Protein backbone atom coordinates (compact mmCIF):
# COMPACT_ATOMS: atom_id res chain seq x y z
CA UNK A 1 -8.35 20.07 -1.74
CA UNK A 2 -7.84 18.21 -4.96
CA UNK A 3 -4.54 17.67 -6.73
CA UNK A 4 -3.90 17.04 -10.37
CA UNK A 5 -3.56 13.17 -10.44
CA UNK A 6 -5.99 12.73 -7.60
CA UNK A 7 -8.90 14.48 -8.42
CA UNK A 8 -10.93 12.18 -6.24
CA UNK A 9 -8.70 12.03 -3.27
CA UNK A 10 -5.16 11.44 -2.20
CA UNK A 11 -4.32 8.57 0.27
CA UNK A 12 -1.26 8.27 2.39
CA UNK A 13 -0.15 4.52 2.86
CA UNK A 14 2.16 3.49 5.29
CA UNK A 15 4.26 0.43 4.19
CA UNK A 16 6.75 -1.99 6.04
CA UNK A 17 10.09 -1.13 5.04
CA UNK A 18 10.96 -3.99 2.94
CA UNK A 19 7.85 -4.96 1.59
CA UNK A 20 7.77 -5.19 -2.32
CA UNK A 21 3.96 -5.76 -3.06
CA UNK A 22 2.25 -2.53 -1.55
CA UNK A 23 3.05 0.14 -4.13
CA UNK A 24 2.55 -2.48 -7.11
CA UNK A 25 -0.63 -3.74 -5.98
CA UNK A 26 -2.21 -0.30 -5.23
CA UNK A 27 -0.87 0.89 -8.51
CA UNK A 28 -3.34 -1.80 -10.17
CA UNK A 29 -6.32 -1.51 -7.85
CA UNK A 30 -6.62 2.31 -7.27
CA UNK A 31 -9.31 3.61 -9.62
CA UNK A 32 -9.18 6.61 -11.84
CA UNK A 33 -8.89 9.82 -9.89
CA UNK A 34 -7.53 8.30 -6.71
CA UNK A 35 -3.60 8.38 -6.09
CA UNK A 36 -1.38 7.61 -3.08
CA UNK A 37 1.67 8.87 -1.37
CA UNK A 38 3.61 6.22 0.27
CA UNK A 39 5.90 6.14 3.19
CA UNK A 40 8.10 3.57 4.66
CA UNK A 41 7.36 2.14 8.39
CA UNK A 42 10.98 1.43 9.91
CA UNK A 43 12.48 -0.48 13.03
CA UNK A 44 15.87 -1.50 13.58
CA UNK A 45 14.63 -4.23 16.01
CA UNK A 46 16.21 -7.51 15.63
CA UNK A 47 12.85 -9.86 15.32
CA UNK A 48 9.84 -9.61 13.38
CA UNK A 49 7.57 -9.34 16.16
CA UNK A 50 9.56 -6.43 17.66
CA UNK A 51 9.48 -4.78 14.37
CA UNK A 52 5.80 -5.38 13.76
CA UNK A 53 5.00 -3.66 16.96
CA UNK A 54 6.96 -0.73 16.21
CA UNK A 55 5.33 -0.35 13.04
CA UNK A 56 1.92 0.20 14.99
CA UNK A 57 3.00 1.90 18.13
CA UNK A 58 5.17 4.78 15.98
CA UNK A 59 2.19 5.17 13.65
CA UNK A 60 1.64 8.75 14.55
CA UNK A 61 5.40 9.56 13.78
CA UNK A 62 5.37 7.82 10.52
CA UNK A 63 2.31 9.55 9.42
CA UNK A 64 4.10 12.98 9.98
CA UNK A 65 6.29 12.25 7.03
CA UNK A 66 3.33 13.27 4.86
CA UNK A 67 3.44 16.86 6.63
CA UNK A 68 0.57 19.22 5.14
CA UNK A 69 -0.14 17.02 2.06
CA UNK A 70 -3.84 16.71 1.53
CA UNK A 71 -4.18 13.19 2.16
CA UNK A 72 -8.00 12.15 2.56
CA UNK A 73 -7.34 8.97 4.08
CA UNK A 74 -4.31 7.48 5.99
CA UNK A 75 -3.82 3.48 5.27
CA UNK A 76 -1.67 1.06 7.34
CA UNK A 77 -0.52 -1.53 5.04
CA UNK A 78 0.43 -4.12 7.64
CA UNK A 79 -1.42 -6.62 9.36
CA UNK A 80 1.01 -8.63 11.32
CA UNK A 81 1.34 -5.37 13.71
CA UNK A 82 -2.50 -5.75 14.32
CA UNK A 83 -2.41 -9.38 14.88
CA UNK A 84 0.52 -9.35 17.98
CA UNK A 85 -1.07 -6.00 19.19
CA UNK A 86 -4.55 -7.10 19.64
CA UNK A 87 -7.84 -5.67 18.19
CA UNK A 88 -8.09 -3.36 21.32
CA UNK A 89 -4.78 -1.93 21.11
CA UNK A 90 -5.49 -1.35 17.24
CA UNK A 91 -8.71 0.24 17.65
CA UNK A 92 -7.59 2.53 20.50
CA UNK A 93 -4.62 3.69 18.24
CA UNK A 94 -6.73 4.31 15.45
CA UNK A 95 -9.33 6.30 17.30
CA UNK A 96 -6.48 8.71 18.67
CA UNK A 97 -5.14 8.96 15.00
CA UNK A 98 -8.69 9.73 13.68
CA UNK A 99 -8.95 12.42 16.35
CA UNK A 100 -5.58 14.06 15.56
CA UNK A 101 -5.68 13.93 11.96
CA UNK A 102 -9.58 14.34 11.20
CA UNK A 103 -9.54 11.77 8.53
CA UNK A 104 -10.28 8.03 8.07
CA UNK A 105 -7.41 6.06 9.51
CA UNK A 106 -7.82 2.38 8.13
CA UNK A 107 -5.50 -0.63 8.73
CA UNK A 108 -5.15 -3.42 6.51
CA UNK A 109 -6.80 -5.84 9.12
CA UNK A 110 -9.68 -3.41 9.73
CA UNK A 111 -10.67 -3.37 5.96
CA UNK A 112 -10.61 -6.81 5.71
CA UNK A 113 -12.94 -6.84 8.86
CA UNK A 114 -15.17 -4.46 7.23
CA UNK A 115 -15.09 -6.66 3.73
CA UNK A 116 -16.28 -9.86 5.89
CA UNK A 117 -18.80 -7.67 7.33
CA UNK A 118 -20.17 -6.44 4.11
CA UNK A 119 -21.08 -9.77 3.25
CA UNK A 120 -22.08 -11.10 6.43
CA UNK A 121 -19.50 -13.57 6.85
CA UNK A 122 -18.96 -15.14 10.40
CA UNK A 123 -17.16 -18.26 9.61
CA UNK A 124 -13.93 -17.27 7.55
CA UNK A 125 -11.29 -18.95 5.56
CA UNK A 126 -7.69 -18.03 5.70
CA UNK A 127 -4.70 -18.50 3.66
CA UNK A 128 -1.68 -17.73 5.73
CA UNK A 129 1.87 -17.20 4.29
CA UNK A 130 3.23 -16.89 8.06
CA UNK A 131 5.15 -18.92 10.46
CA UNK A 132 3.02 -20.49 12.88
CA UNK A 133 3.60 -17.91 15.64
CA UNK A 134 2.25 -15.21 13.44
CA UNK A 135 -0.42 -17.60 11.85
CA UNK A 136 -1.53 -18.16 15.64
CA UNK A 137 -1.62 -14.49 16.46
CA UNK A 138 -3.95 -14.01 13.34
CA UNK A 139 -6.17 -16.76 14.23
CA UNK A 140 -6.70 -14.84 17.88
CA UNK A 141 -7.31 -11.41 16.29
CA UNK A 142 -10.02 -12.72 14.23
CA UNK A 143 -11.54 -14.43 17.06
CA UNK A 144 -11.45 -11.20 18.88
CA UNK A 145 -13.10 -9.50 15.93
CA UNK A 146 -16.03 -11.89 16.56
CA UNK A 147 -15.20 -14.58 13.56
CA UNK A 148 -14.78 -18.11 13.50
CA UNK A 149 -11.85 -19.36 11.48
CA UNK A 150 -13.21 -22.43 9.94
CA UNK A 151 -10.29 -23.33 7.99
CA UNK A 152 -6.59 -22.47 7.23
CA UNK A 153 -4.40 -23.10 4.40
CA UNK A 154 -0.72 -22.20 4.44
CA UNK A 155 1.43 -20.92 1.59
CA UNK A 156 5.06 -22.30 1.05
CA UNK A 157 7.45 -19.39 2.05
CA UNK A 158 10.52 -18.83 0.08
CA UNK A 159 13.19 -20.01 2.40
CA UNK A 160 16.56 -18.28 1.87
CA UNK A 161 15.33 -15.34 -0.26
CA UNK A 162 15.76 -11.79 1.06
CA UNK A 163 12.40 -11.99 2.70
CA UNK A 164 10.47 -15.52 3.18
CA UNK A 165 7.19 -13.49 2.25
CA UNK A 166 7.80 -10.60 0.12
CA UNK A 167 9.63 -13.27 -2.28
CA UNK A 168 6.53 -15.44 -2.54
CA UNK A 169 4.98 -15.82 -5.79
CA UNK A 170 1.22 -15.26 -6.80
CA UNK A 171 1.27 -19.05 -8.30
CA UNK A 172 2.35 -19.98 -4.38
CA UNK A 173 -0.60 -17.86 -3.12
CA UNK A 174 -3.07 -19.11 -6.01
CA UNK A 175 -1.88 -23.04 -4.96
CA UNK A 176 -2.47 -22.34 -1.07
CA UNK A 177 -6.09 -20.76 -1.72
CA UNK A 178 -6.95 -23.68 -4.39
CA UNK A 179 -5.95 -26.09 -1.30
CA UNK A 180 -8.32 -24.16 1.17
CA UNK A 181 -10.74 -27.02 2.11
CA UNK A 182 -14.37 -26.38 1.91
CA UNK A 183 -15.98 -25.43 5.51
CA UNK A 184 -18.84 -23.57 5.12
CA UNK A 185 -17.21 -19.97 5.44
CA UNK A 186 -18.71 -16.97 4.24
CA UNK A 187 -15.49 -15.28 3.13
CA UNK A 188 -11.75 -15.88 2.51
CA UNK A 189 -8.86 -13.88 2.81
CA UNK A 190 -5.57 -14.05 1.81
CA UNK A 191 -3.30 -12.69 4.64
CA UNK A 192 -0.34 -10.45 4.66
CA UNK A 193 0.21 -7.05 2.69
CA UNK A 194 3.38 -8.67 1.10
CA UNK A 195 2.02 -11.87 -0.50
CA UNK A 196 0.91 -11.19 -4.17
CA UNK A 197 -2.86 -12.00 -4.45
CA UNK A 198 -4.14 -10.18 -7.34
CA UNK A 199 -3.98 -12.77 -9.96
CA UNK A 200 -5.40 -15.49 -7.60
CA UNK A 201 -8.07 -13.21 -6.81
CA UNK A 202 -8.89 -12.67 -10.40
CA UNK A 203 -8.55 -16.50 -11.34
CA UNK A 204 -10.60 -17.41 -8.46
CA UNK A 205 -12.79 -14.64 -6.99
CA UNK A 206 -15.07 -17.29 -5.16
CA UNK A 207 -13.77 -20.23 -3.68
CA UNK A 208 -16.58 -22.84 -2.62
CA UNK A 209 -19.00 -20.00 -3.09
CA UNK A 210 -17.38 -17.61 -0.75
CA UNK A 211 -15.93 -14.24 -1.93
CA UNK A 212 -12.11 -14.04 -2.00
CA UNK A 213 -10.15 -10.93 -0.69
CA UNK A 214 -6.98 -10.04 0.31
CA UNK A 215 -5.47 -7.29 2.76
CA UNK A 216 -4.08 -5.13 0.06
CA UNK A 217 -7.36 -5.93 -1.94
CA UNK A 218 -9.49 -4.72 1.23
CA UNK A 219 -7.39 -1.90 2.09
CA UNK A 220 -7.61 -0.47 -1.40
CA UNK A 221 -11.54 -1.27 -1.49
CA UNK A 222 -11.94 0.41 1.92
CA UNK A 223 -9.79 3.55 1.18
CA UNK A 224 -11.65 3.95 -1.85
CA UNK A 225 -14.99 4.03 -0.33
CA UNK A 226 -13.75 6.31 2.38
CA UNK A 227 -12.37 8.87 -0.06
CA UNK A 228 -15.65 9.06 -1.64
CA UNK A 229 -17.64 9.20 1.26
CA UNK A 230 -19.47 6.05 0.81
CA UNK A 231 -20.49 3.03 2.76
CA UNK A 232 -18.45 -0.10 2.70
CA UNK A 233 -21.34 -2.08 1.56
CA UNK A 234 -21.83 -5.58 0.08
CA UNK A 235 -22.52 -4.39 -3.73
CA UNK A 236 -19.12 -2.44 -4.10
CA UNK A 237 -17.17 -5.20 -2.29
CA UNK A 238 -18.48 -7.76 -4.46
CA UNK A 239 -17.67 -5.64 -7.48
CA UNK A 240 -14.37 -5.43 -6.44
CA UNK A 241 -13.84 -9.04 -5.84
CA UNK A 242 -15.00 -10.02 -9.43
CA UNK A 243 -12.28 -7.32 -10.72
CA UNK A 244 -13.92 -6.11 -13.75
CA UNK A 245 -12.76 -2.38 -12.88
CA UNK A 246 -9.01 -3.20 -12.27
CA UNK A 247 -8.74 -6.55 -14.41
CA UNK A 248 -7.47 -4.42 -17.33
CA UNK A 249 -5.07 -2.52 -15.27
CA UNK A 250 -3.68 -5.69 -14.20
CA UNK A 251 -3.34 -6.85 -17.90
CA UNK A 252 -1.46 -3.98 -18.85
CA UNK A 253 0.87 -3.78 -16.14
CA UNK A 254 1.63 -7.48 -16.09
CA UNK A 255 1.89 -7.63 -20.14
């Protein structure tokens, strides 16, 4: 069923409660004819790890916020939860959700995985905005997925801000990307759905010859392909990396 502002399809996006990046980056990245409904993932747990695990394990309840809206895909815009839960738990939950909803359920982490697969990357480079424990969990997760983390560059978090990751700047992400050493990787991912990544990708779509993506960038690409019923293929991914289709929307949004 088409709706007025989503003639190609409507995506339900689940966003961590304090994240300030998901909706703005989605607004730039969605192509014409695809729109989103957003709902917030919430938890009152006192630690980051506990909140992240709540977000993933409460996914079925969070998805009920969309009621009977005709969403064509469900997007989980949080990677930290996948890292701490692990690939097996993530895959099992996604399978149950897809069986229950009858639509594609795409996590930010599995979208990045599909981007890596699209270009045949086995060795990968990562730009992490995370503290050490979450970076270590991310490294384990990508190893579970069959990838070799060849290099990691860490961004400077904004200490004392309302949130150390969500308050990061695109300039900081770009500096961390520039600092990622050459290590023979086949693709690079800027981790986290809260770090602003679109300008760094536009300015440096290929780093040492490897395509650069991010969790939100890959998630929108993967959801768009799912809504259109098309494969997550190399050509469409590299087109999205180059940014020709969304560059103008970025310029209009940022002024």
